[in-house]
Protein backbone atom coordinates (compact mmCIF):
# COMPACT_ATOMS: atom_id res chain seq x y z
CA MET A 1 57.61 19.23 84.83
CA LEU A 2 54.53 18.36 82.78
CA LEU A 3 52.09 21.18 82.12
CA ARG A 4 48.66 19.95 81.15
CA SER A 5 46.96 22.05 78.57
CA GLY A 6 43.34 23.08 78.67
CA ALA A 7 43.46 22.51 74.95
CA ARG A 8 42.55 18.89 75.62
CA GLY A 9 39.03 20.24 75.70
CA LEU A 10 39.05 21.06 72.00
CA PRO A 11 35.64 21.25 70.33
CA ALA A 12 34.18 17.95 69.31
CA GLN A 13 35.21 16.75 65.88
CA ALA A 14 31.82 17.38 64.35
CA ALA A 15 31.60 20.93 65.67
CA ALA A 16 35.13 21.77 64.60
CA ALA A 17 34.62 20.30 61.16
CA ALA A 18 31.37 22.19 60.69
CA SER A 19 33.03 25.44 61.67
CA TRP A 20 35.91 24.89 59.26
CA ARG A 21 33.44 24.05 56.50
CA GLY A 22 32.06 27.55 56.89
CA LEU A 23 35.45 28.93 55.93
CA GLN A 24 36.47 26.38 53.31
CA ALA A 25 33.13 26.40 51.53
CA ALA A 26 33.73 30.02 50.61
CA ILE A 27 37.30 29.48 49.45
CA PRO A 28 36.77 27.37 46.33
CA ARG A 29 33.58 29.16 45.22
CA CYS A 30 35.25 31.60 42.84
CA ALA A 31 37.59 28.85 41.67
CA ARG A 32 34.60 26.61 40.87
CA ALA A 33 33.13 29.49 38.90
CA VAL A 34 36.31 29.72 36.85
CA ALA A 35 36.18 25.97 36.23
CA SER A 36 32.55 26.04 35.15
CA SER A 37 33.25 28.83 32.68
CA ALA A 38 35.93 26.72 30.98
CA PRO A 39 34.41 23.26 30.57
CA SER A 40 36.87 22.17 27.89
CA ARG A 41 39.79 22.62 30.26
CA ALA A 42 37.97 20.98 33.17
CA SER A 43 37.24 17.92 31.08
CA GLY A 44 40.76 17.66 29.80
CA GLY A 45 39.89 19.33 26.50
CA SER A 46 38.20 16.24 25.09
CA SER A 47 35.07 16.87 23.03
CA SER A 48 33.95 13.29 23.57
CA SER A 49 33.66 13.68 27.33
CA SER A 50 30.14 15.09 27.02
CA SER A 51 28.87 11.76 25.71
CA SER A 52 30.54 9.74 28.45
CA ASN A 53 28.71 8.49 31.51
CA ASN A 54 31.75 9.33 33.64
CA PRO A 55 31.53 12.70 35.37
CA SER A 56 34.16 15.18 34.23
CA LEU A 57 36.67 16.41 36.78
CA ALA A 58 37.18 20.06 37.56
CA PHE A 59 40.49 21.40 38.85
CA PRO A 60 39.69 24.55 40.82
CA CYS A 61 43.08 24.47 42.57
CA ILE A 62 44.88 24.64 39.21
CA ASP A 63 42.48 27.31 38.01
CA ALA A 64 43.11 29.33 41.17
CA ASN A 65 46.86 29.09 40.65
CA GLU A 66 46.50 30.24 37.04
CA ALA A 67 44.23 33.07 38.16
CA ARG A 68 46.85 34.19 40.68
CA THR A 69 49.47 34.17 37.93
CA ALA A 70 47.20 36.28 35.74
CA ARG A 71 46.65 38.79 38.54
CA LEU A 72 50.38 39.08 39.12
CA LEU A 73 51.05 39.55 35.42
CA ALA A 74 48.50 42.34 35.35
CA ARG A 75 50.21 44.01 38.31
CA GLN A 76 53.82 43.20 37.42
CA GLY A 77 56.45 45.75 38.25
CA PRO A 78 56.53 47.87 41.38
CA ASP A 79 52.88 47.13 42.16
CA ILE A 80 53.50 43.46 42.96
CA GLU A 81 52.83 42.86 46.62
CA ASP A 82 55.86 43.66 48.77
CA PRO A 83 56.14 41.22 51.68
CA SER A 84 57.12 44.06 54.01
CA ALA A 85 53.91 45.94 53.20
CA ALA A 86 51.38 43.12 53.21
CA SER A 87 48.52 42.93 55.64
CA GLY A 88 48.41 40.25 58.29
CA SER A 89 46.52 37.02 57.77
CA ALA A 90 43.31 36.63 59.66
CA SER A 91 42.74 33.87 62.14
CA SER A 92 40.06 31.35 61.27
CA ASP A 93 37.04 31.03 63.49
CA ASP A 94 37.22 27.27 63.91
CA GLY A 95 40.48 26.89 65.71
CA PRO A 96 43.49 28.74 67.07
CA GLU A 97 45.73 30.01 64.30
CA PRO A 98 48.87 32.07 64.92
CA SER A 99 48.82 35.60 63.59
CA TYR A 100 51.87 36.00 61.36
CA THR A 101 51.27 39.72 61.11
CA ASN A 102 53.32 41.59 58.57
CA VAL A 103 54.70 45.03 59.28
CA VAL A 104 52.94 47.95 57.66
CA SER A 105 54.51 50.71 59.73
CA GLY A 106 55.66 51.46 63.22
CA TYR A 107 59.04 49.78 63.33
CA LYS A 108 62.34 51.55 63.88
CA THR A 109 65.43 50.93 61.77
CA TYR A 110 69.01 50.73 62.95
CA HIS A 111 71.57 51.21 60.17
CA HIS A 112 75.02 49.78 60.76
CA ASP A 113 77.46 51.41 58.37
CA ALA A 114 80.41 49.06 58.92
CA PRO A 115 80.96 45.58 57.48
CA LEU A 116 79.58 42.54 59.28
CA GLU A 117 81.88 39.56 58.78
CA LEU A 118 79.96 36.33 58.35
CA ASP A 119 80.66 32.81 59.57
CA TYR A 120 80.65 31.13 56.18
CA GLY A 121 82.66 33.73 54.33
CA GLY A 122 81.93 37.12 52.86
CA GLU A 123 80.40 40.07 54.59
CA LEU A 124 77.56 42.53 54.57
CA PRO A 125 79.17 45.92 53.76
CA SER A 126 76.40 47.50 55.84
CA PHE A 127 73.01 46.40 57.06
CA ASP A 128 69.68 47.52 58.50
CA ILE A 129 67.80 45.93 61.37
CA ALA A 130 64.10 46.58 61.88
CA TYR A 131 63.05 46.51 65.51
CA GLU A 132 60.16 47.39 67.79
CA THR A 133 60.04 48.00 71.52
CA TRP A 134 57.54 47.81 74.36
CA GLY A 135 57.87 49.25 77.85
CA THR A 136 60.49 51.67 79.17
CA LEU A 137 64.20 51.15 79.71
CA ASN A 138 64.94 51.87 83.37
CA SER A 139 67.61 54.26 84.61
CA ASP A 140 70.34 51.64 85.02
CA ARG A 141 69.35 49.87 81.77
CA SER A 142 68.96 46.54 83.54
CA ASN A 143 65.43 45.54 82.50
CA ALA A 144 65.93 44.87 78.77
CA ILE A 145 64.65 41.64 77.22
CA LEU A 146 65.71 40.68 73.70
CA LEU A 147 62.97 38.65 72.03
CA HIS A 148 64.16 36.50 69.12
CA THR A 149 61.74 35.44 66.38
CA GLY A 150 60.95 32.32 64.43
CA LEU A 151 61.71 31.86 60.75
CA SER A 152 59.00 33.94 59.09
CA ALA A 153 58.05 36.38 61.84
CA SER A 154 58.49 40.14 61.72
CA SER A 155 59.53 42.39 64.57
CA HIS A 156 55.85 43.07 65.26
CA ALA A 157 55.38 40.76 68.23
CA ALA A 158 52.60 42.85 69.77
CA SER A 159 50.56 45.95 69.06
CA HIS A 160 51.68 49.40 70.18
CA PRO A 161 50.66 53.01 69.43
CA GLU A 162 52.77 53.17 66.25
CA ASN A 163 51.22 49.95 64.90
CA THR A 164 47.94 48.87 66.46
CA THR A 165 47.72 45.64 64.44
CA LYS A 166 47.85 42.55 66.62
CA GLY A 167 51.29 40.93 66.69
CA TRP A 168 52.33 37.30 66.55
CA TRP A 169 52.73 37.14 70.38
CA GLU A 170 49.98 39.61 71.23
CA ASP A 171 48.70 37.68 74.24
CA PHE A 172 52.15 37.39 75.81
CA ILE A 173 53.46 40.99 75.78
CA GLY A 174 51.91 43.98 77.50
CA PRO A 175 50.96 45.43 80.88
CA GLY A 176 50.36 42.61 83.36
CA LYS A 177 50.97 39.89 80.78
CA ALA A 178 53.62 37.17 80.86
CA ILE A 179 56.21 39.63 79.59
CA ASP A 180 55.06 42.64 81.55
CA SER A 181 55.80 45.87 79.69
CA ASN A 182 55.29 47.76 82.96
CA LYS A 183 58.41 45.99 84.27
CA TYR A 184 60.52 45.19 81.25
CA PHE A 185 61.83 46.92 78.15
CA VAL A 186 61.21 44.42 75.36
CA ILE A 187 63.08 44.57 72.05
CA CYS A 188 62.13 42.41 69.07
CA THR A 189 64.07 42.48 65.80
CA ASN A 190 63.53 41.20 62.32
CA VAL A 191 66.59 39.03 61.65
CA ILE A 192 69.07 39.80 58.90
CA GLY A 193 68.21 37.67 55.89
CA SER A 194 64.50 38.34 56.32
CA CYS A 195 62.29 40.77 54.42
CA TYR A 196 60.36 42.78 57.02
CA GLY A 197 62.64 45.80 57.22
CA SER A 198 66.01 44.14 57.87
CA THR A 199 68.65 43.57 55.22
CA GLY A 200 68.04 40.41 53.22
CA PRO A 201 68.09 39.05 49.67
CA SER A 202 65.30 41.41 48.58
CA SER A 203 67.24 44.48 49.82
CA PRO A 204 69.21 46.64 47.37
CA HIS A 205 72.77 45.44 46.89
CA PRO A 206 74.91 48.36 48.13
CA LEU A 207 77.51 47.80 45.41
CA ASP A 208 75.12 47.23 42.51
CA PRO A 209 75.33 50.19 40.10
CA GLU A 210 71.60 49.93 39.38
CA GLY A 211 70.62 49.33 43.00
CA LYS A 212 69.13 45.93 42.22
CA PRO A 213 68.37 43.51 45.05
CA TRP A 214 70.94 41.09 46.35
CA ALA A 215 68.91 38.05 45.23
CA THR A 216 71.14 34.97 45.53
CA ARG A 217 74.25 37.12 45.57
CA PHE A 218 73.35 37.45 49.25
CA PRO A 219 75.89 35.50 51.34
CA ILE A 220 75.06 32.43 53.41
CA ILE A 221 74.27 33.51 56.97
CA SER A 222 74.22 31.68 60.29
CA VAL A 223 72.18 32.02 63.46
CA PHE A 224 75.35 33.39 65.07
CA ASP A 225 75.51 36.10 62.38
CA MET A 226 71.93 37.09 63.18
CA VAL A 227 72.80 37.41 66.86
CA ARG A 228 75.96 39.45 66.25
CA ALA A 229 73.90 41.93 64.25
CA GLN A 230 71.34 42.13 67.08
CA PHE A 231 74.03 42.89 69.64
CA LEU A 232 75.34 45.72 67.48
CA LEU A 233 71.82 47.13 67.80
CA LEU A 234 72.04 46.71 71.58
CA ASP A 235 75.34 48.62 71.52
CA HIS A 236 73.56 51.40 69.63
CA LEU A 237 70.80 51.45 72.27
CA GLY A 238 73.35 51.60 75.07
CA ILE A 239 72.34 48.26 76.57
CA ASP A 240 75.36 46.44 77.97
CA ARG A 241 73.54 43.53 79.60
CA LEU A 242 70.20 41.87 78.96
CA TYR A 243 67.91 40.81 81.75
CA ALA A 244 66.90 37.96 79.46
CA SER A 245 67.52 36.59 76.00
CA MET A 246 64.45 34.67 74.94
CA GLY A 247 62.89 33.14 71.87
CA SER A 248 60.86 30.30 70.44
CA SER A 249 61.53 27.99 67.49
CA MET A 250 64.45 29.56 65.60
CA GLY A 251 64.27 32.22 68.30
CA GLY A 252 65.22 29.54 70.82
CA MET A 253 68.31 28.82 68.74
CA GLN A 254 69.14 32.53 68.74
CA SER A 255 68.70 32.83 72.49
CA ILE A 256 71.13 29.95 73.02
CA ALA A 257 73.58 31.45 70.52
CA ALA A 258 73.35 34.88 72.19
CA THR A 259 74.12 33.49 75.62
CA HIS A 260 77.03 31.51 74.19
CA LEU A 261 78.55 34.39 72.22
CA TYR A 262 78.03 37.01 74.93
CA PRO A 263 77.79 35.16 78.27
CA GLN A 264 78.63 38.29 80.26
CA ARG A 265 75.88 40.28 78.54
CA VAL A 266 72.98 37.89 79.23
CA GLN A 267 71.53 37.29 82.69
CA LYS A 268 68.75 34.79 81.94
CA LEU A 269 68.05 32.45 79.04
CA ILE A 270 64.66 31.26 77.76
CA SER A 271 64.36 28.69 74.96
CA ILE A 272 60.85 27.63 73.92
CA SER A 273 60.41 24.84 71.37
CA GLY A 274 63.97 25.45 70.26
CA SER A 275 67.07 23.29 70.18
CA ALA A 276 70.82 23.36 70.55
CA ARG A 277 71.30 21.66 67.19
CA ALA A 278 69.18 21.14 64.09
CA ASN A 279 68.40 17.44 63.90
CA PRO A 280 68.33 15.45 60.63
CA SER A 281 64.55 15.17 60.48
CA SER A 282 63.96 18.93 60.72
CA ILE A 283 66.75 19.53 58.19
CA ALA A 284 65.01 17.12 55.82
CA LEU A 285 61.67 18.90 56.23
CA ARG A 286 63.16 22.31 55.50
CA PHE A 287 65.11 20.89 52.56
CA ALA A 288 61.83 19.65 51.07
CA GLN A 289 60.40 23.16 51.40
CA ARG A 290 63.38 24.72 49.66
CA SER A 291 63.32 22.06 46.95
CA VAL A 292 59.73 22.68 45.88
CA LEU A 293 60.34 26.41 46.04
CA MET A 294 63.47 26.32 43.89
CA ALA A 295 61.72 24.00 41.42
CA ASP A 296 59.25 26.78 40.60
CA PRO A 297 60.45 28.18 37.23
CA ASN A 298 59.62 31.68 38.46
CA TRP A 299 62.31 31.36 41.13
CA ASN A 300 64.90 31.78 38.36
CA ARG A 301 67.83 30.96 40.66
CA GLY A 302 66.68 33.74 42.95
CA PHE A 303 66.55 36.55 40.38
CA TYR A 304 62.84 37.25 40.17
CA TYR A 305 62.73 40.88 41.34
CA ASP A 306 63.09 42.59 37.96
CA GLU A 307 60.08 44.13 36.27
CA GLY A 308 58.39 41.59 34.06
CA ARG A 309 59.22 38.67 36.33
CA LEU A 310 56.89 36.96 38.79
CA PRO A 311 57.68 35.74 42.31
CA PRO A 312 57.69 31.95 42.72
CA HIS A 313 54.23 31.96 44.23
CA THR A 314 53.43 28.34 43.38
CA GLY A 315 56.58 27.07 45.05
CA MET A 316 55.93 29.29 48.05
CA LYS A 317 52.43 27.92 48.43
CA LEU A 318 53.67 24.33 48.36
CA ALA A 319 56.53 25.13 50.74
CA ARG A 320 54.05 26.64 53.17
CA GLN A 321 51.86 23.57 53.00
CA ILE A 322 54.84 21.41 53.96
CA ALA A 323 55.72 23.83 56.75
CA THR A 324 52.17 23.77 58.11
CA ILE A 325 52.36 19.99 58.41
CA THR A 326 55.49 20.40 60.55
CA TYR A 327 53.98 23.18 62.68
CA ARG A 328 50.88 21.31 63.84
CA SER A 329 50.11 17.74 64.92
CA GLY A 330 48.09 14.71 63.94
CA PRO A 331 46.08 14.53 67.18
CA GLU A 332 44.89 18.12 66.76
CA TRP A 333 43.86 17.51 63.16
CA GLU A 334 42.08 14.31 64.10
CA GLN A 335 39.94 16.32 66.50
CA ARG A 336 39.47 19.29 64.19
CA PHE A 337 38.97 17.60 60.83
CA GLY A 338 38.97 13.82 61.11
CA ARG A 339 38.21 12.37 57.68
CA GLU A 340 35.52 14.92 56.89
CA ARG A 341 35.25 16.02 53.26
CA ARG A 342 33.88 19.14 51.61
CA ARG A 343 30.17 19.84 51.42
CA GLY A 344 28.29 22.23 49.19
CA SER A 345 27.52 24.49 52.15
CA ALA A 346 28.17 24.59 55.86
CA ASP A 347 24.78 23.03 56.69
CA ALA A 348 24.65 20.50 53.83
CA GLU A 349 24.21 16.87 54.86
CA ASP A 350 25.93 15.19 51.92
CA GLU A 351 29.56 15.47 50.97
CA LEU A 352 30.50 16.59 47.48
CA ALA A 353 31.79 14.09 44.94
CA PRO A 354 35.47 13.21 45.40
CA ALA A 355 37.88 15.64 43.77
CA LEU A 356 41.59 15.66 42.98
CA CYS A 357 41.93 19.23 44.24
CA PRO A 358 41.42 19.94 47.97
CA ASP A 359 38.68 17.58 49.05
CA PHE A 360 39.19 16.45 52.63
CA LEU A 361 38.87 19.28 55.13
CA ILE A 362 42.51 18.85 56.11
CA GLU A 363 43.41 19.40 52.44
CA THR A 364 41.35 22.57 52.24
CA TYR A 365 43.06 23.75 55.44
CA LEU A 366 46.55 23.22 53.98
CA ASP A 367 45.47 24.87 50.73
CA HIS A 368 44.17 27.87 52.66
CA GLN A 369 47.40 28.22 54.65
CA GLY A 370 49.45 28.14 51.45
CA GLU A 371 47.24 30.73 49.75
CA GLN A 372 47.47 33.05 52.75
CA PHE A 373 51.25 32.95 52.84
CA CYS A 374 52.54 32.62 49.29
CA LEU A 375 52.84 36.37 48.58
CA LYS A 376 53.48 37.58 52.12
CA TYR A 377 57.08 36.49 52.58
CA ASP A 378 60.07 36.69 50.27
CA ALA A 379 61.02 33.34 48.77
CA ASN A 380 64.76 33.96 48.97
CA SER A 381 64.42 34.94 52.63
CA LEU A 382 62.71 31.61 53.29
CA ILE A 383 65.61 29.82 51.62
CA TYR A 384 68.38 31.71 53.42
CA VAL A 385 66.85 31.84 56.89
CA SER A 386 65.80 28.18 56.84
CA LYS A 387 69.32 27.23 55.77
CA ALA A 388 70.71 29.15 58.74
CA MET A 389 68.52 27.02 60.99
CA ASP A 390 69.87 23.84 59.41
CA LEU A 391 73.46 24.96 59.98
CA PHE A 392 72.94 25.61 63.70
CA ASP A 393 74.82 23.17 65.90
CA MET A 394 76.16 23.93 69.37
CA SER A 395 78.21 20.75 69.66
CA GLN A 396 81.87 21.46 70.38
CA ASP A 397 83.04 19.73 67.20
CA SER A 398 80.83 21.99 65.09
CA LEU A 399 81.79 25.14 66.99
CA ALA A 400 85.49 24.36 66.58
CA SER A 401 85.04 23.78 62.85
CA LEU A 402 83.15 27.04 62.49
CA GLU A 403 85.79 28.96 64.39
CA LYS A 404 88.49 27.54 62.12
CA ARG A 405 86.47 28.77 59.15
CA ARG A 406 86.13 32.24 60.66
CA GLU A 407 89.86 32.39 61.35
CA LYS A 408 90.62 31.30 57.79
CA ASN A 409 88.31 34.01 56.48
CA ARG A 410 89.95 36.60 58.74
CA LEU A 411 93.40 35.69 57.48
CA ALA A 412 92.23 35.87 53.87
CA ARG A 413 90.75 39.32 54.40
CA GLN A 414 93.86 40.49 56.21
CA LYS A 415 96.02 39.34 53.30
CA GLU A 416 93.90 41.31 50.85
CA GLU A 417 93.99 44.53 52.83
CA ASP A 418 95.97 47.34 51.24
CA ASP A 419 96.51 49.08 54.52
CA GLN A 420 99.67 47.47 55.89
CA THR A 421 99.33 49.36 59.16
CA ALA A 422 96.19 47.49 60.17
CA ALA A 423 96.56 45.45 63.34
CA PRO A 424 96.68 41.66 62.88
CA ALA A 425 93.27 40.11 63.10
CA SER A 426 94.40 37.81 65.90
CA SER A 427 95.83 40.56 68.13
CA GLU A 428 92.46 41.41 69.68
CA PRO A 429 90.27 38.35 70.25
CA ASP A 430 86.65 38.76 69.27
CA ASP A 431 84.38 38.70 72.31
CA SER A 432 81.99 36.61 70.26
CA SER A 433 84.54 33.88 69.56
CA LEU A 434 83.26 30.35 69.32
CA THR A 435 86.42 28.76 70.70
CA ALA A 436 86.32 26.22 73.47
CA SER A 437 88.80 28.20 75.56
CA ALA A 438 86.51 31.23 75.66
CA ALA A 439 83.59 29.07 76.64
CA THR A 440 85.54 27.39 79.41
CA SER A 441 86.85 30.64 80.86
CA THR A 442 83.38 32.06 81.36
CA SER A 443 81.76 29.02 82.88
CA THR A 444 83.94 28.01 85.80
CA GLY A 445 81.75 29.94 88.23
CA GLY A 446 84.66 30.70 90.53
CA ALA A 447 87.12 28.40 92.25
CA GLY A 448 85.01 28.14 95.37
CA LYS A 449 81.74 27.20 93.69
CA ARG A 450 80.87 23.56 94.29
CA ARG A 451 79.00 21.70 91.58
CA ARG A 452 76.35 19.18 92.49
CA GLN A 453 76.78 15.81 90.82
CA HIS A 454 74.28 15.30 88.01
CA ILE A 455 72.57 12.01 87.22
CA GLN A 456 71.76 11.54 83.54
CA THR A 457 68.07 11.12 82.75
CA LEU A 458 68.04 11.02 78.94
CA SER A 459 66.68 7.77 77.55
CA SER A 460 67.16 8.36 73.80
CA PRO A 461 70.01 6.10 72.60
CA SER A 462 70.59 8.30 69.54
CA ALA A 463 71.42 11.27 71.75
CA HIS A 464 74.31 9.45 73.36
CA THR A 465 76.42 9.60 70.19
CA TYR A 466 76.70 13.39 70.24
CA LEU A 467 75.71 14.32 73.79
CA ASP A 468 79.26 14.69 75.11
CA SER A 469 80.22 17.11 72.34
CA LEU A 470 76.95 19.02 72.71
CA ALA A 471 77.40 19.37 76.46
CA GLU A 472 80.93 20.64 75.93
CA GLY A 473 79.72 23.20 73.39
CA LEU A 474 77.10 24.43 75.86
CA ARG A 475 79.57 24.88 78.71
CA SER A 476 79.42 28.68 78.43
CA LEU A 477 75.77 28.51 79.55
CA SER A 478 76.55 26.81 82.86
CA ASP A 479 75.96 29.83 85.10
CA HIS A 480 72.80 31.26 83.54
CA PRO A 481 69.33 30.67 85.00
CA THR A 482 67.58 28.92 82.14
CA LEU A 483 63.96 28.18 81.23
CA ILE A 484 63.33 25.42 78.68
CA ILE A 485 59.83 24.67 77.40
CA GLY A 486 58.84 22.00 74.88
CA ALA A 487 55.62 20.53 73.48
CA GLN A 488 55.14 16.78 73.50
CA SER A 489 53.29 16.93 70.17
CA ASP A 490 56.04 18.92 68.39
CA ILE A 491 57.44 17.08 65.35
CA LEU A 492 59.62 19.93 64.06
CA PHE A 493 61.57 20.42 67.30
CA PRO A 494 60.82 17.09 69.03
CA ILE A 495 60.56 17.02 72.79
CA ASP A 496 63.76 14.96 72.99
CA GLN A 497 65.65 18.05 71.87
CA GLN A 498 64.32 20.05 74.80
CA ARG A 499 65.22 17.22 77.16
CA GLU A 500 68.77 16.95 75.82
CA LEU A 501 69.28 20.71 76.19
CA ALA A 502 68.25 20.54 79.84
CA GLU A 503 70.34 17.41 80.30
CA CYS A 504 73.49 19.04 78.89
CA LEU A 505 73.13 22.17 81.02
CA ARG A 506 72.59 20.13 84.18
CA ARG A 507 75.49 17.86 83.31
CA ASN A 508 77.68 20.98 83.10
CA GLY A 509 76.67 21.92 86.62
CA ASN A 510 73.89 24.42 85.93
CA THR A 511 71.63 24.09 88.97
CA GLU A 512 69.18 26.76 87.81
CA VAL A 513 67.50 24.98 84.91
CA ARG A 514 63.70 24.98 84.83
CA TYR A 515 62.26 22.48 82.38
CA TYR A 516 58.60 22.14 81.38
CA GLU A 517 56.80 19.86 78.94
CA ILE A 518 53.41 20.90 77.60
CA ASP A 519 50.85 18.31 76.54
CA ALA A 520 49.02 20.69 74.18
CA PRO A 521 47.96 19.03 70.90
CA HIS A 522 48.96 21.96 68.67
CA GLY A 523 52.44 20.69 67.82
CA HIS A 524 55.24 23.16 67.28
CA ASP A 525 52.79 26.08 67.24
CA SER A 526 51.87 25.43 70.88
CA PHE A 527 54.22 28.26 71.88
CA LEU A 528 51.95 30.64 69.95
CA ILE A 529 48.68 29.24 71.22
CA ASP A 530 48.99 27.86 74.76
CA VAL A 531 49.02 31.20 76.56
CA ALA A 532 48.13 29.77 79.97
CA ASN A 533 50.98 27.29 80.24
CA VAL A 534 53.70 28.93 78.16
CA GLY A 535 52.86 32.39 79.46
CA GLY A 536 52.61 31.19 83.03
CA ALA A 537 56.02 29.52 82.91
CA ILE A 538 57.61 32.63 81.38
CA LYS A 539 56.04 34.97 83.92
CA GLY A 540 57.12 32.84 86.86
CA PHE A 541 60.67 32.60 85.55
CA LEU A 542 61.09 36.29 84.76
CA ASP A 543 59.50 37.58 87.95
């Protein structure tokens, strides 16, 4: 079903550009002051430039980066901004911007004091999960919704008495809203590997004699590992079965993984702008982000936490600029910015002379997004969590390979155990096994249940090469009412991925799949912005 967005009525290009100019004109002001106070640097250090007829170029973006480095050097040590204690970024006045609010206080912490075995080898000896809740758990504990987050989001999805700051899904959660806190008990966690209260690379290594952070000693994690940790939290809360597992972006991946790993513990599934497998184009985009980040000398192979070292803020800024390109869309930017360039003030008629630093309004927008983010999220967390997204693949071939790896790891650990009385690892099958047999056993729907024949509707030829394996891997989701929402303008999780997810579930006999396409121009971030359509679809599905 196609949902038409009211966002087609975006402000006219001129009005939007003028509004953005009001913000961007203030951004480079201090940087231009720095440039004007150092003319030799702005002119390339040449004393002959003053006699040339060619205007000298200033580089306020480079000056701003150097100024940020100087500020960090002056504050180096424990006073450097901690991502988990940073304030949220403000939304601009000219257009809808998601609020990636960082946690200051108000979240709860669950500490798991036993090892968590990981898909790709190794373990976390113990771990913390930060989480927040809205609403009240009913007497039979049947109204719980687990909300999974995107890559860089905290557990603070919405405001509450313990933290009144607006959350990243503020307009979706609360009394009478799409996710009605008068009806449902909503739980949102910060995933392991992140930096907003849950165990990640910036957390103290439990076996380090000096208590230094994990850094890149942190093991590779998967989306499945994130979900297993979340369900240990649910065990702690006494919640045996979720009314719904839901999420957007990477959260959509988690919601699919949760329903696959624990099919008997999830009643309904919601995936918004997610996918059942990371496609090559999104892997490439995230690889580019990690590459520019790791190329920052301050990254130091991940060991930048010691006093006297700086975080890789330049790499983080560039990585965020790349990410912003993937989160939004060309049509939106055409309407908001067009080819407008900077002016001296918001009401100035003439554009400034061309510059090599941010010049076009779209460039100033990307620069602003990078500046806002570069010190508000841990660089290693970005690397590890984005890699987990790349590794996600629900095709049966991938699941079988991953299960073989887990079994190999289990056997290796068993061999190393000193306690010879321990039961063999294979004697009690893990209820979160990825094997095909487990998936098949939970998806038959009973001998008497008759499946309606499905007619394939996918038109993408590329999907046909892996669709059979993907459908087989998703067989454990055959009996779950499912809501799938995608945005036609999304380039990070293209709409074809939402279509193939719906196609695979229907092919497996799931007759309770609701599928919606949104024509909002905001790209991947539509799930944060299009409250009317996304929220309306969620509310109708849950209620």
